[in-house]
N, C-alpha and C. Protein backbone atom coordinates (compact mmCIF):
# COMPACT_ATOMS: atom_id res chain seq x y z
N ALA A 1 -38.25 -12.19 -31.05
CA ALA A 1 -36.81 -11.94 -31.13
C ALA A 1 -36.40 -10.64 -30.45
N ARG A 2 -37.38 -9.86 -29.99
CA ARG A 2 -37.08 -8.61 -29.37
C ARG A 2 -38.03 -8.37 -28.25
N SER A 3 -37.57 -7.78 -27.15
CA SER A 3 -38.44 -7.45 -26.01
C SER A 3 -38.13 -6.01 -25.58
N ASP A 4 -39.11 -5.21 -25.38
CA ASP A 4 -38.96 -3.86 -24.85
C ASP A 4 -39.49 -3.82 -23.42
N LEU A 5 -40.24 -4.79 -22.96
CA LEU A 5 -40.72 -4.85 -21.60
C LEU A 5 -41.02 -6.31 -21.25
N ASN A 6 -40.48 -6.75 -20.11
CA ASN A 6 -40.81 -8.09 -19.65
C ASN A 6 -41.59 -8.00 -18.33
N TYR A 7 -42.59 -8.81 -18.13
CA TYR A 7 -43.43 -8.71 -16.94
C TYR A 7 -43.84 -10.09 -16.53
N GLY A 8 -44.17 -10.22 -15.19
CA GLY A 8 -44.77 -11.45 -14.70
C GLY A 8 -46.18 -11.20 -14.27
N ALA A 9 -46.84 -12.25 -13.84
CA ALA A 9 -48.28 -12.11 -13.47
C ALA A 9 -48.45 -11.14 -12.32
N ALA A 10 -49.49 -10.34 -12.38
CA ALA A 10 -49.91 -9.42 -11.30
C ALA A 10 -48.76 -8.44 -10.95
N GLN A 11 -47.94 -8.08 -11.87
CA GLN A 11 -46.87 -7.10 -11.63
C GLN A 11 -47.25 -5.86 -12.39
N THR A 12 -46.85 -4.70 -11.83
CA THR A 12 -46.81 -3.39 -12.57
C THR A 12 -45.41 -3.04 -12.81
N VAL A 13 -44.98 -2.98 -14.04
CA VAL A 13 -43.60 -2.69 -14.41
C VAL A 13 -43.58 -1.59 -15.47
N SER A 14 -42.46 -0.89 -15.51
CA SER A 14 -42.30 0.10 -16.56
C SER A 14 -40.91 0.08 -17.15
N ASN A 15 -40.75 0.77 -18.25
CA ASN A 15 -39.48 0.76 -18.99
C ASN A 15 -39.42 1.99 -19.82
N ARG A 16 -38.18 2.43 -20.15
CA ARG A 16 -38.07 3.57 -21.08
C ARG A 16 -38.23 2.97 -22.45
N LEU A 17 -38.94 3.70 -23.32
CA LEU A 17 -39.25 3.25 -24.66
C LEU A 17 -38.29 4.01 -25.66
N ILE A 18 -37.54 3.26 -26.41
CA ILE A 18 -36.75 3.83 -27.47
C ILE A 18 -36.99 2.92 -28.68
N VAL A 19 -37.71 3.44 -29.64
CA VAL A 19 -38.12 2.65 -30.85
C VAL A 19 -38.20 3.55 -32.03
N ASN A 20 -37.87 3.02 -33.18
CA ASN A 20 -38.03 3.75 -34.45
C ASN A 20 -39.44 3.74 -34.92
N ALA A 21 -39.96 4.91 -35.39
CA ALA A 21 -41.30 4.99 -35.94
C ALA A 21 -41.20 4.70 -37.48
N ASP A 22 -42.28 4.33 -38.09
CA ASP A 22 -42.24 4.18 -39.58
C ASP A 22 -42.31 5.58 -40.23
N THR A 23 -42.35 5.63 -41.56
CA THR A 23 -42.32 6.89 -42.26
C THR A 23 -43.59 7.73 -42.01
N ASP A 24 -44.69 7.12 -41.53
CA ASP A 24 -45.87 7.86 -41.13
C ASP A 24 -45.88 8.33 -39.74
N GLY A 25 -44.76 7.98 -38.96
CA GLY A 25 -44.69 8.36 -37.56
C GLY A 25 -45.40 7.35 -36.66
N ASP A 26 -45.73 6.16 -37.17
CA ASP A 26 -46.45 5.16 -36.35
C ASP A 26 -45.47 4.14 -35.75
N ILE A 27 -45.81 3.75 -34.49
CA ILE A 27 -45.15 2.64 -33.84
C ILE A 27 -46.21 1.71 -33.39
N CYS A 28 -45.92 0.36 -33.40
CA CYS A 28 -46.90 -0.67 -33.00
C CYS A 28 -46.37 -1.43 -31.79
N PHE A 29 -47.27 -1.90 -30.96
CA PHE A 29 -46.93 -2.65 -29.77
C PHE A 29 -47.60 -4.03 -29.81
N TYR A 30 -46.81 -5.10 -29.64
CA TYR A 30 -47.27 -6.47 -29.59
C TYR A 30 -47.13 -6.98 -28.14
N THR A 31 -48.13 -7.62 -27.58
CA THR A 31 -48.04 -8.20 -26.28
C THR A 31 -48.19 -9.72 -26.38
N SER A 32 -47.40 -10.41 -25.55
CA SER A 32 -47.48 -11.87 -25.60
C SER A 32 -48.47 -12.40 -24.61
N ALA A 33 -48.96 -11.57 -23.67
CA ALA A 33 -50.00 -11.96 -22.75
C ALA A 33 -50.93 -10.80 -22.53
N ALA A 34 -52.17 -11.11 -22.10
CA ALA A 34 -53.13 -10.00 -21.91
C ALA A 34 -52.63 -9.05 -20.87
N THR A 35 -52.68 -7.75 -21.13
CA THR A 35 -52.24 -6.75 -20.18
C THR A 35 -52.78 -5.41 -20.58
N ASP A 36 -52.74 -4.45 -19.69
CA ASP A 36 -53.02 -3.05 -19.98
C ASP A 36 -51.73 -2.35 -20.21
N LEU A 37 -51.65 -1.40 -21.16
CA LEU A 37 -50.45 -0.64 -21.44
C LEU A 37 -50.69 0.84 -21.22
N VAL A 38 -49.75 1.51 -20.61
CA VAL A 38 -49.73 2.93 -20.52
C VAL A 38 -48.50 3.40 -21.21
N ILE A 39 -48.66 4.15 -22.32
CA ILE A 39 -47.53 4.57 -23.17
C ILE A 39 -47.40 6.12 -23.14
N ASP A 40 -46.27 6.61 -22.65
CA ASP A 40 -46.01 8.07 -22.62
C ASP A 40 -44.90 8.32 -23.58
N ILE A 41 -45.19 9.12 -24.62
CA ILE A 41 -44.20 9.53 -25.60
C ILE A 41 -43.73 10.95 -25.22
N ASN A 42 -42.48 11.11 -24.87
CA ASN A 42 -42.04 12.42 -24.33
C ASN A 42 -41.13 13.19 -25.32
N GLY A 43 -40.66 12.54 -26.33
CA GLY A 43 -39.77 13.24 -27.26
C GLY A 43 -39.28 12.34 -28.39
N VAL A 44 -38.54 12.96 -29.30
CA VAL A 44 -37.92 12.19 -30.36
C VAL A 44 -36.39 12.45 -30.28
N ALA A 45 -35.63 11.52 -30.78
CA ALA A 45 -34.15 11.65 -30.74
C ALA A 45 -33.56 11.18 -32.02
N PRO A 46 -33.25 12.07 -33.01
CA PRO A 46 -32.52 11.67 -34.19
C PRO A 46 -31.17 11.19 -33.87
N GLY A 47 -30.58 10.36 -34.65
CA GLY A 47 -29.20 9.92 -34.48
C GLY A 47 -29.09 8.49 -33.90
N ILE A 48 -30.16 7.91 -33.46
CA ILE A 48 -30.13 6.49 -33.00
C ILE A 48 -30.40 5.63 -34.21
N THR A 49 -29.48 4.68 -34.40
CA THR A 49 -29.61 3.75 -35.54
C THR A 49 -30.15 2.44 -35.03
N SER A 50 -31.30 2.00 -35.51
CA SER A 50 -31.82 0.73 -35.15
C SER A 50 -31.03 -0.39 -35.83
N THR A 51 -30.73 -1.43 -35.05
CA THR A 51 -30.01 -2.59 -35.68
C THR A 51 -30.89 -3.80 -35.54
N THR A 52 -30.56 -4.86 -36.30
CA THR A 52 -31.21 -6.14 -36.12
C THR A 52 -31.06 -6.53 -34.66
N ASN A 53 -32.10 -6.99 -33.98
CA ASN A 53 -32.03 -7.36 -32.59
C ASN A 53 -30.95 -8.41 -32.37
N GLN A 54 -30.13 -8.18 -31.32
CA GLN A 54 -29.14 -9.14 -30.94
C GLN A 54 -29.46 -9.52 -29.53
N ARG A 55 -29.89 -10.83 -29.31
CA ARG A 55 -30.35 -11.27 -28.03
C ARG A 55 -29.28 -12.20 -27.37
N THR A 56 -29.03 -11.93 -26.10
CA THR A 56 -28.30 -12.84 -25.21
C THR A 56 -29.21 -13.29 -24.14
N ASP A 57 -29.45 -14.62 -23.98
CA ASP A 57 -30.43 -15.10 -23.03
C ASP A 57 -29.75 -16.24 -22.27
N THR A 58 -29.37 -16.00 -21.00
CA THR A 58 -28.65 -16.98 -20.20
C THR A 58 -29.60 -18.16 -19.78
N ARG A 59 -30.94 -18.00 -19.95
CA ARG A 59 -31.83 -19.09 -19.69
C ARG A 59 -31.52 -20.28 -20.62
N ASN A 60 -30.94 -19.93 -21.78
CA ASN A 60 -30.57 -20.97 -22.78
C ASN A 60 -29.20 -21.55 -22.58
N THR A 61 -28.42 -20.98 -21.68
CA THR A 61 -27.09 -21.43 -21.47
C THR A 61 -26.89 -21.81 -19.99
N SER A 62 -26.42 -20.94 -19.22
CA SER A 62 -26.32 -21.22 -17.76
C SER A 62 -26.59 -19.97 -16.96
N ARG A 63 -27.30 -20.17 -15.81
CA ARG A 63 -27.65 -19.09 -14.92
C ARG A 63 -26.41 -18.41 -14.42
N LEU A 64 -26.44 -17.07 -14.28
CA LEU A 64 -25.32 -16.29 -13.81
C LEU A 64 -25.21 -16.44 -12.28
N ARG A 65 -24.02 -16.77 -11.83
CA ARG A 65 -23.84 -16.89 -10.35
C ARG A 65 -23.73 -15.51 -9.70
N THR A 66 -23.88 -15.43 -8.45
CA THR A 66 -23.67 -14.19 -7.71
C THR A 66 -22.29 -13.61 -7.95
N GLY A 67 -22.23 -12.33 -8.24
CA GLY A 67 -20.96 -11.65 -8.47
C GLY A 67 -20.23 -11.96 -9.77
N SER A 68 -20.92 -12.50 -10.73
CA SER A 68 -20.28 -12.83 -12.02
C SER A 68 -20.49 -11.69 -13.03
N THR A 69 -19.65 -11.73 -14.06
CA THR A 69 -19.69 -10.71 -15.11
C THR A 69 -19.84 -11.45 -16.45
N LEU A 70 -20.81 -10.95 -17.25
CA LEU A 70 -21.07 -11.52 -18.56
C LEU A 70 -20.59 -10.48 -19.59
N ARG A 71 -19.82 -10.87 -20.57
CA ARG A 71 -19.32 -10.03 -21.66
C ARG A 71 -20.14 -10.30 -22.92
N VAL A 72 -20.61 -9.26 -23.55
CA VAL A 72 -21.39 -9.27 -24.83
C VAL A 72 -20.71 -8.35 -25.82
N ASN A 73 -20.51 -8.87 -27.02
CA ASN A 73 -19.93 -8.05 -28.09
C ASN A 73 -21.03 -7.52 -29.02
N VAL A 74 -20.92 -6.23 -29.37
CA VAL A 74 -21.87 -5.61 -30.31
C VAL A 74 -21.11 -5.37 -31.62
N PRO A 75 -21.28 -6.31 -32.60
CA PRO A 75 -20.48 -6.18 -33.87
C PRO A 75 -20.61 -4.81 -34.56
N ALA A 76 -21.72 -4.10 -34.43
CA ALA A 76 -21.84 -2.80 -35.07
C ALA A 76 -20.93 -1.78 -34.56
N LEU A 77 -20.32 -2.05 -33.34
CA LEU A 77 -19.42 -1.07 -32.76
C LEU A 77 -17.96 -1.58 -32.63
N ASN A 78 -17.64 -2.72 -33.27
CA ASN A 78 -16.28 -3.22 -33.33
C ASN A 78 -15.31 -2.21 -33.86
N GLY A 79 -14.27 -1.89 -33.12
CA GLY A 79 -13.24 -0.99 -33.62
C GLY A 79 -13.56 0.48 -33.44
N ALA A 80 -14.78 0.80 -32.98
CA ALA A 80 -15.14 2.17 -32.84
C ALA A 80 -15.70 2.55 -31.51
N GLY A 81 -16.28 1.55 -30.83
CA GLY A 81 -16.97 1.92 -29.55
C GLY A 81 -18.22 2.70 -29.86
N GLY A 82 -18.88 3.15 -28.84
CA GLY A 82 -20.11 3.94 -29.02
C GLY A 82 -21.10 3.55 -27.94
N THR A 83 -22.34 4.05 -28.10
CA THR A 83 -23.33 3.80 -27.11
C THR A 83 -24.37 2.78 -27.68
N VAL A 84 -24.73 1.87 -26.81
CA VAL A 84 -25.64 0.80 -27.14
C VAL A 84 -27.02 1.06 -26.48
N VAL A 85 -28.07 0.83 -27.21
CA VAL A 85 -29.45 1.00 -26.75
C VAL A 85 -30.11 -0.33 -26.85
N GLY A 86 -30.77 -0.77 -25.80
CA GLY A 86 -31.51 -2.02 -25.79
C GLY A 86 -32.32 -2.18 -24.59
N ASN A 87 -32.58 -3.47 -24.19
CA ASN A 87 -33.38 -3.81 -23.03
C ASN A 87 -32.65 -4.78 -22.22
N LEU A 88 -32.72 -4.69 -20.90
CA LEU A 88 -32.08 -5.60 -19.96
C LEU A 88 -33.13 -6.15 -19.01
N ALA A 89 -33.26 -7.49 -18.93
CA ALA A 89 -34.21 -8.11 -18.03
C ALA A 89 -33.52 -9.09 -17.14
N GLY A 90 -33.95 -9.09 -15.86
CA GLY A 90 -33.51 -10.12 -14.88
C GLY A 90 -34.71 -11.07 -14.69
N VAL A 91 -34.46 -12.32 -14.82
CA VAL A 91 -35.52 -13.34 -14.78
C VAL A 91 -35.32 -14.26 -13.59
N ASN A 92 -36.28 -14.27 -12.68
CA ASN A 92 -36.29 -15.21 -11.55
C ASN A 92 -34.96 -15.16 -10.71
N PRO A 93 -34.58 -13.97 -10.21
CA PRO A 93 -33.40 -13.90 -9.39
C PRO A 93 -33.52 -14.70 -8.10
N ALA A 94 -32.35 -15.12 -7.57
CA ALA A 94 -32.34 -15.90 -6.31
C ALA A 94 -32.64 -14.99 -5.13
N GLY A 95 -32.33 -13.70 -5.27
CA GLY A 95 -32.53 -12.75 -4.19
C GLY A 95 -32.52 -11.37 -4.67
N ALA A 96 -32.72 -10.36 -3.81
CA ALA A 96 -32.62 -8.99 -4.23
C ALA A 96 -31.23 -8.64 -4.69
N GLY A 97 -31.17 -7.81 -5.72
CA GLY A 97 -29.83 -7.43 -6.31
C GLY A 97 -29.93 -6.39 -7.34
N PHE A 98 -28.83 -6.30 -8.07
CA PHE A 98 -28.77 -5.31 -9.16
C PHE A 98 -27.83 -5.81 -10.25
N VAL A 99 -27.98 -5.20 -11.43
CA VAL A 99 -27.05 -5.47 -12.58
C VAL A 99 -26.49 -4.11 -12.94
N THR A 100 -25.17 -4.05 -13.14
CA THR A 100 -24.51 -2.88 -13.62
C THR A 100 -23.92 -3.23 -14.97
N ALA A 101 -24.25 -2.42 -15.97
CA ALA A 101 -23.65 -2.53 -17.31
C ALA A 101 -22.59 -1.50 -17.52
N HIS A 102 -21.47 -1.86 -18.26
CA HIS A 102 -20.40 -0.89 -18.43
C HIS A 102 -19.51 -1.39 -19.60
N ALA A 103 -18.74 -0.44 -20.15
CA ALA A 103 -17.72 -0.79 -21.12
C ALA A 103 -16.74 -1.69 -20.48
N CYS A 104 -16.46 -2.84 -21.06
CA CYS A 104 -15.56 -3.87 -20.40
C CYS A 104 -14.20 -3.33 -20.08
N ASP A 105 -13.59 -2.57 -20.99
CA ASP A 105 -12.22 -2.15 -20.76
C ASP A 105 -12.04 -1.25 -19.58
N GLY A 106 -13.10 -0.45 -19.24
CA GLY A 106 -12.99 0.50 -18.15
C GLY A 106 -13.35 -0.06 -16.79
N GLY A 107 -13.92 -1.25 -16.78
CA GLY A 107 -14.37 -1.84 -15.50
C GLY A 107 -15.63 -1.15 -15.04
N PRO A 108 -16.25 -1.73 -13.95
CA PRO A 108 -17.50 -1.13 -13.52
C PRO A 108 -17.30 0.21 -12.83
N PRO A 109 -18.25 1.13 -12.99
CA PRO A 109 -18.16 2.44 -12.29
C PRO A 109 -18.20 2.30 -10.81
N ARG A 110 -17.26 2.88 -10.09
CA ARG A 110 -17.15 2.78 -8.65
C ARG A 110 -17.05 4.20 -8.04
N ASP A 111 -17.50 4.30 -6.76
CA ASP A 111 -17.39 5.57 -6.08
C ASP A 111 -16.02 5.61 -5.36
N ALA A 112 -15.77 6.68 -4.59
CA ALA A 112 -14.46 6.83 -3.92
C ALA A 112 -14.15 5.71 -2.90
N GLN A 113 -15.18 5.07 -2.37
CA GLN A 113 -15.04 3.95 -1.45
C GLN A 113 -14.89 2.62 -2.15
N GLY A 114 -15.02 2.58 -3.47
CA GLY A 114 -14.87 1.36 -4.20
C GLY A 114 -16.16 0.62 -4.40
N ASN A 115 -17.32 1.18 -3.93
CA ASN A 115 -18.64 0.58 -4.17
C ASN A 115 -19.12 0.82 -5.57
N PHE A 116 -19.96 -0.07 -6.05
CA PHE A 116 -20.58 0.18 -7.36
C PHE A 116 -21.38 1.48 -7.31
N ALA A 117 -21.16 2.33 -8.35
CA ALA A 117 -21.76 3.66 -8.39
C ALA A 117 -22.88 3.77 -9.35
N ARG A 118 -23.33 2.62 -9.94
CA ARG A 118 -24.36 2.69 -10.95
C ARG A 118 -25.12 1.33 -10.97
N SER A 119 -26.42 1.39 -11.13
CA SER A 119 -27.25 0.26 -11.35
C SER A 119 -28.07 0.45 -12.59
N ASP A 120 -28.13 -0.51 -13.47
CA ASP A 120 -28.94 -0.44 -14.65
C ASP A 120 -30.25 -1.26 -14.53
N LEU A 121 -30.32 -2.15 -13.47
CA LEU A 121 -31.47 -2.92 -13.21
C LEU A 121 -31.49 -3.35 -11.78
N ASN A 122 -32.57 -3.12 -11.05
CA ASN A 122 -32.75 -3.54 -9.66
C ASN A 122 -33.87 -4.57 -9.62
N TYR A 123 -33.68 -5.62 -8.78
CA TYR A 123 -34.69 -6.66 -8.77
C TYR A 123 -34.81 -7.25 -7.35
N GLY A 124 -35.92 -7.91 -7.10
CA GLY A 124 -36.13 -8.67 -5.89
C GLY A 124 -36.24 -10.11 -6.19
N ALA A 125 -36.26 -10.92 -5.13
CA ALA A 125 -36.29 -12.39 -5.33
C ALA A 125 -37.46 -12.83 -6.11
N ALA A 126 -37.23 -13.75 -7.07
CA ALA A 126 -38.31 -14.37 -7.87
C ALA A 126 -39.12 -13.36 -8.70
N GLN A 127 -38.54 -12.26 -9.06
CA GLN A 127 -39.23 -11.28 -9.91
C GLN A 127 -38.70 -11.37 -11.33
N THR A 128 -39.51 -10.98 -12.30
CA THR A 128 -39.03 -10.75 -13.65
C THR A 128 -39.21 -9.24 -13.88
N VAL A 129 -38.13 -8.53 -14.08
CA VAL A 129 -38.12 -7.06 -14.24
C VAL A 129 -37.26 -6.72 -15.42
N SER A 130 -37.58 -5.57 -16.06
CA SER A 130 -36.75 -5.14 -17.11
C SER A 130 -36.57 -3.68 -17.12
N ASN A 131 -35.60 -3.19 -17.85
CA ASN A 131 -35.26 -1.72 -17.91
C ASN A 131 -34.62 -1.49 -19.24
N ARG A 132 -34.81 -0.29 -19.72
CA ARG A 132 -34.12 0.13 -20.96
C ARG A 132 -32.65 0.23 -20.68
N LEU A 133 -31.85 -0.22 -21.61
CA LEU A 133 -30.42 -0.27 -21.49
C LEU A 133 -29.77 0.80 -22.37
N ILE A 134 -29.02 1.73 -21.75
CA ILE A 134 -28.21 2.68 -22.51
C ILE A 134 -26.85 2.65 -21.86
N VAL A 135 -25.90 2.12 -22.59
CA VAL A 135 -24.51 1.94 -22.00
C VAL A 135 -23.46 2.15 -23.10
N ASN A 136 -22.31 2.64 -22.71
CA ASN A 136 -21.21 2.79 -23.63
C ASN A 136 -20.46 1.45 -23.77
N ALA A 137 -20.07 1.15 -25.04
CA ALA A 137 -19.25 -0.05 -25.29
C ALA A 137 -17.87 0.46 -25.40
N ASP A 138 -16.89 -0.48 -25.17
CA ASP A 138 -15.48 -0.13 -25.37
C ASP A 138 -15.11 -0.12 -26.83
N THR A 139 -13.89 0.17 -27.20
CA THR A 139 -13.53 0.30 -28.58
C THR A 139 -13.62 -1.05 -29.32
N ASP A 140 -13.61 -2.18 -28.59
CA ASP A 140 -13.81 -3.50 -29.23
C ASP A 140 -15.32 -3.80 -29.45
N GLY A 141 -16.17 -2.89 -28.98
CA GLY A 141 -17.64 -3.17 -29.08
C GLY A 141 -18.15 -4.05 -27.95
N ASP A 142 -17.42 -4.19 -26.86
CA ASP A 142 -17.84 -5.04 -25.74
C ASP A 142 -18.50 -4.27 -24.64
N ILE A 143 -19.54 -4.84 -24.12
CA ILE A 143 -20.16 -4.37 -22.86
C ILE A 143 -20.24 -5.53 -21.86
N CYS A 144 -20.04 -5.23 -20.62
CA CYS A 144 -20.07 -6.18 -19.55
C CYS A 144 -21.26 -5.96 -18.61
N PHE A 145 -21.74 -7.04 -18.04
CA PHE A 145 -22.90 -7.02 -17.11
C PHE A 145 -22.47 -7.70 -15.86
N TYR A 146 -22.43 -6.97 -14.71
CA TYR A 146 -22.09 -7.54 -13.42
C TYR A 146 -23.41 -7.70 -12.66
N ASN A 147 -23.65 -8.89 -12.09
CA ASN A 147 -24.86 -9.08 -11.29
C ASN A 147 -24.50 -9.41 -9.86
N SER A 148 -25.25 -8.80 -8.89
CA SER A 148 -24.99 -9.01 -7.49
C SER A 148 -25.63 -10.19 -6.85
N ALA A 149 -26.65 -10.74 -7.53
CA ALA A 149 -27.34 -11.96 -7.04
C ALA A 149 -27.56 -12.89 -8.25
N ALA A 150 -27.53 -14.17 -7.98
CA ALA A 150 -27.75 -15.18 -9.07
C ALA A 150 -29.05 -14.87 -9.80
N THR A 151 -28.97 -14.86 -11.10
CA THR A 151 -30.17 -14.58 -11.93
C THR A 151 -29.93 -15.07 -13.33
N ASP A 152 -30.93 -15.05 -14.11
CA ASP A 152 -30.83 -15.20 -15.59
C ASP A 152 -30.93 -13.80 -16.14
N LEU A 153 -30.25 -13.48 -17.19
CA LEU A 153 -30.36 -12.22 -17.84
C LEU A 153 -30.84 -12.43 -19.31
N VAL A 154 -31.71 -11.53 -19.76
CA VAL A 154 -32.10 -11.54 -21.17
C VAL A 154 -31.73 -10.09 -21.63
N ILE A 155 -30.81 -10.02 -22.61
CA ILE A 155 -30.28 -8.75 -23.09
C ILE A 155 -30.63 -8.61 -24.53
N ASP A 156 -31.40 -7.59 -24.87
CA ASP A 156 -31.74 -7.29 -26.27
C ASP A 156 -31.10 -6.00 -26.64
N ILE A 157 -30.12 -6.09 -27.66
CA ILE A 157 -29.51 -4.94 -28.22
C ILE A 157 -30.28 -4.53 -29.43
N ASN A 158 -30.88 -3.31 -29.38
CA ASN A 158 -31.76 -2.85 -30.47
C ASN A 158 -31.18 -1.81 -31.36
N GLY A 159 -30.06 -1.14 -30.96
CA GLY A 159 -29.53 -0.08 -31.78
C GLY A 159 -28.22 0.52 -31.20
N VAL A 160 -27.65 1.36 -31.95
CA VAL A 160 -26.47 2.11 -31.50
C VAL A 160 -26.75 3.60 -31.66
N ALA A 161 -26.17 4.39 -30.75
CA ALA A 161 -26.53 5.82 -30.76
C ALA A 161 -25.22 6.59 -30.52
N PRO A 162 -24.51 7.04 -31.57
CA PRO A 162 -23.34 7.82 -31.39
C PRO A 162 -23.60 9.14 -30.78
N GLY A 163 -24.83 9.64 -30.87
CA GLY A 163 -25.14 10.96 -30.34
C GLY A 163 -25.52 11.00 -28.86
N ILE A 164 -25.60 9.87 -28.20
CA ILE A 164 -25.98 9.79 -26.80
C ILE A 164 -24.70 9.58 -26.04
N THR A 165 -24.50 10.37 -25.00
CA THR A 165 -23.31 10.17 -24.08
C THR A 165 -23.84 9.79 -22.72
N THR A 166 -23.40 8.65 -22.21
CA THR A 166 -23.86 8.29 -20.89
C THR A 166 -23.03 9.10 -19.86
N THR A 167 -23.60 9.35 -18.72
CA THR A 167 -22.97 10.15 -17.66
C THR A 167 -22.89 9.30 -16.40
N PRO A 168 -22.09 9.71 -15.50
CA PRO A 168 -22.09 8.99 -14.18
C PRO A 168 -23.43 9.00 -13.58
N ASN A 169 -23.79 7.96 -12.85
CA ASN A 169 -25.14 7.86 -12.25
C ASN A 169 -25.42 9.02 -11.34
N GLN A 170 -26.53 9.61 -11.49
CA GLN A 170 -26.95 10.65 -10.50
C GLN A 170 -28.31 10.11 -9.92
N ARG A 171 -28.28 9.75 -8.62
CA ARG A 171 -29.42 9.17 -7.98
C ARG A 171 -30.16 10.12 -7.08
N THR A 172 -31.49 10.17 -7.27
CA THR A 172 -32.37 10.85 -6.36
C THR A 172 -33.18 9.79 -5.73
N ASP A 173 -33.09 9.59 -4.43
CA ASP A 173 -33.77 8.49 -3.76
C ASP A 173 -34.65 9.03 -2.64
N THR A 174 -35.96 9.17 -2.93
CA THR A 174 -36.85 9.77 -1.94
C THR A 174 -37.11 8.87 -0.72
N PRO A 175 -36.93 7.56 -0.73
CA PRO A 175 -37.08 6.82 0.54
C PRO A 175 -36.03 7.25 1.60
N ASN A 176 -34.94 7.91 1.18
CA ASN A 176 -33.98 8.38 2.15
C ASN A 176 -34.30 9.77 2.67
N THR A 177 -35.42 10.33 2.30
CA THR A 177 -35.86 11.67 2.73
C THR A 177 -37.29 11.52 3.17
N PRO A 178 -37.91 12.56 3.70
CA PRO A 178 -39.35 12.47 4.02
C PRO A 178 -40.14 12.13 2.77
N ARG A 179 -41.24 11.33 2.96
CA ARG A 179 -42.10 10.94 1.83
C ARG A 179 -42.71 12.17 1.14
N LEU A 180 -42.83 12.17 -0.14
CA LEU A 180 -43.40 13.30 -0.87
C LEU A 180 -44.90 13.30 -0.75
N PRO A 181 -45.50 14.37 -0.23
CA PRO A 181 -46.99 14.40 -0.19
C PRO A 181 -47.55 14.64 -1.59
N PRO A 182 -48.86 14.31 -1.76
CA PRO A 182 -49.48 14.55 -3.03
C PRO A 182 -49.40 16.01 -3.45
N GLY A 183 -49.22 16.22 -4.73
CA GLY A 183 -49.15 17.56 -5.29
C GLY A 183 -47.79 18.23 -5.18
N THR A 184 -46.79 17.53 -4.60
CA THR A 184 -45.45 18.11 -4.46
C THR A 184 -44.67 18.04 -5.76
N HIS A 185 -43.90 19.05 -6.04
CA HIS A 185 -42.94 19.00 -7.12
C HIS A 185 -41.59 18.77 -6.61
N LEU A 186 -40.89 17.86 -7.24
CA LEU A 186 -39.51 17.50 -6.86
C LEU A 186 -38.58 18.03 -7.97
N LEU A 187 -37.60 18.87 -7.60
CA LEU A 187 -36.64 19.44 -8.53
C LEU A 187 -35.39 18.60 -8.61
N VAL A 188 -35.10 18.11 -9.77
CA VAL A 188 -33.83 17.35 -9.97
C VAL A 188 -33.02 18.05 -11.05
N HIS A 189 -31.78 18.37 -10.78
CA HIS A 189 -30.93 19.00 -11.77
C HIS A 189 -30.18 17.94 -12.60
N ALA A 190 -30.28 18.05 -13.89
CA ALA A 190 -29.57 17.12 -14.77
C ALA A 190 -28.26 17.86 -15.18
N PRO A 191 -27.12 17.12 -14.98
CA PRO A 191 -25.82 17.79 -15.28
C PRO A 191 -25.63 18.06 -16.75
C-alpha cells in the first residue's frame, strides 16, 4: 500500500527518503524483488506528520495523455493547505518527459517566458522511475500533477509537513557546463 522507491529490471534508481522511525530509532525496508540497497541517512526533521498512505494509481483507471493534469485531494489538508510529503512514480512512459506537481489554485510554476520552471520527476521512454514528492497543497488540500508525455502515475501521499516550505526550483545542471573531473567539489548555494 506504500512505495518509497519504484524500479525496473537492471536499473539503478534513487530517491529521497522521508520516513518515521520507531521509538527505538529504527526504520525497516521491505523489497518486492531481489535488489541491493544503498541507504544514506543525512538528518532528522521533526514536524513531519506521517499519515495513512493515500495512493492514486492511474494504472487502475486510465493512462494520462500527453499534456494532461491530474488533481489529487489530501483530506488531512482540507481547509488549511500545507506541504505534502510522498512518492511520485512514472510507469512505462510513452516518451521522455517530466511531471510537475503544484498547488492546483496557483497553477504550475512558470518562468518569465511561460515555460515550466519546475520538474518533480523526469523520465525516459519505457522507464519506471520514482522520486520523493514534496509539494504545497492549496487551501482546499488539492495538488495537481502535469505530465509532458503520456504515462501512468503512481502517487503515494505519506505525510504532511507544516514546517517545510517549498521554494522555486533552483537547478544546477552540469551537462550544460564542462564535465566535473574526479575529486572536484561543486559549490551550490541554497537560498
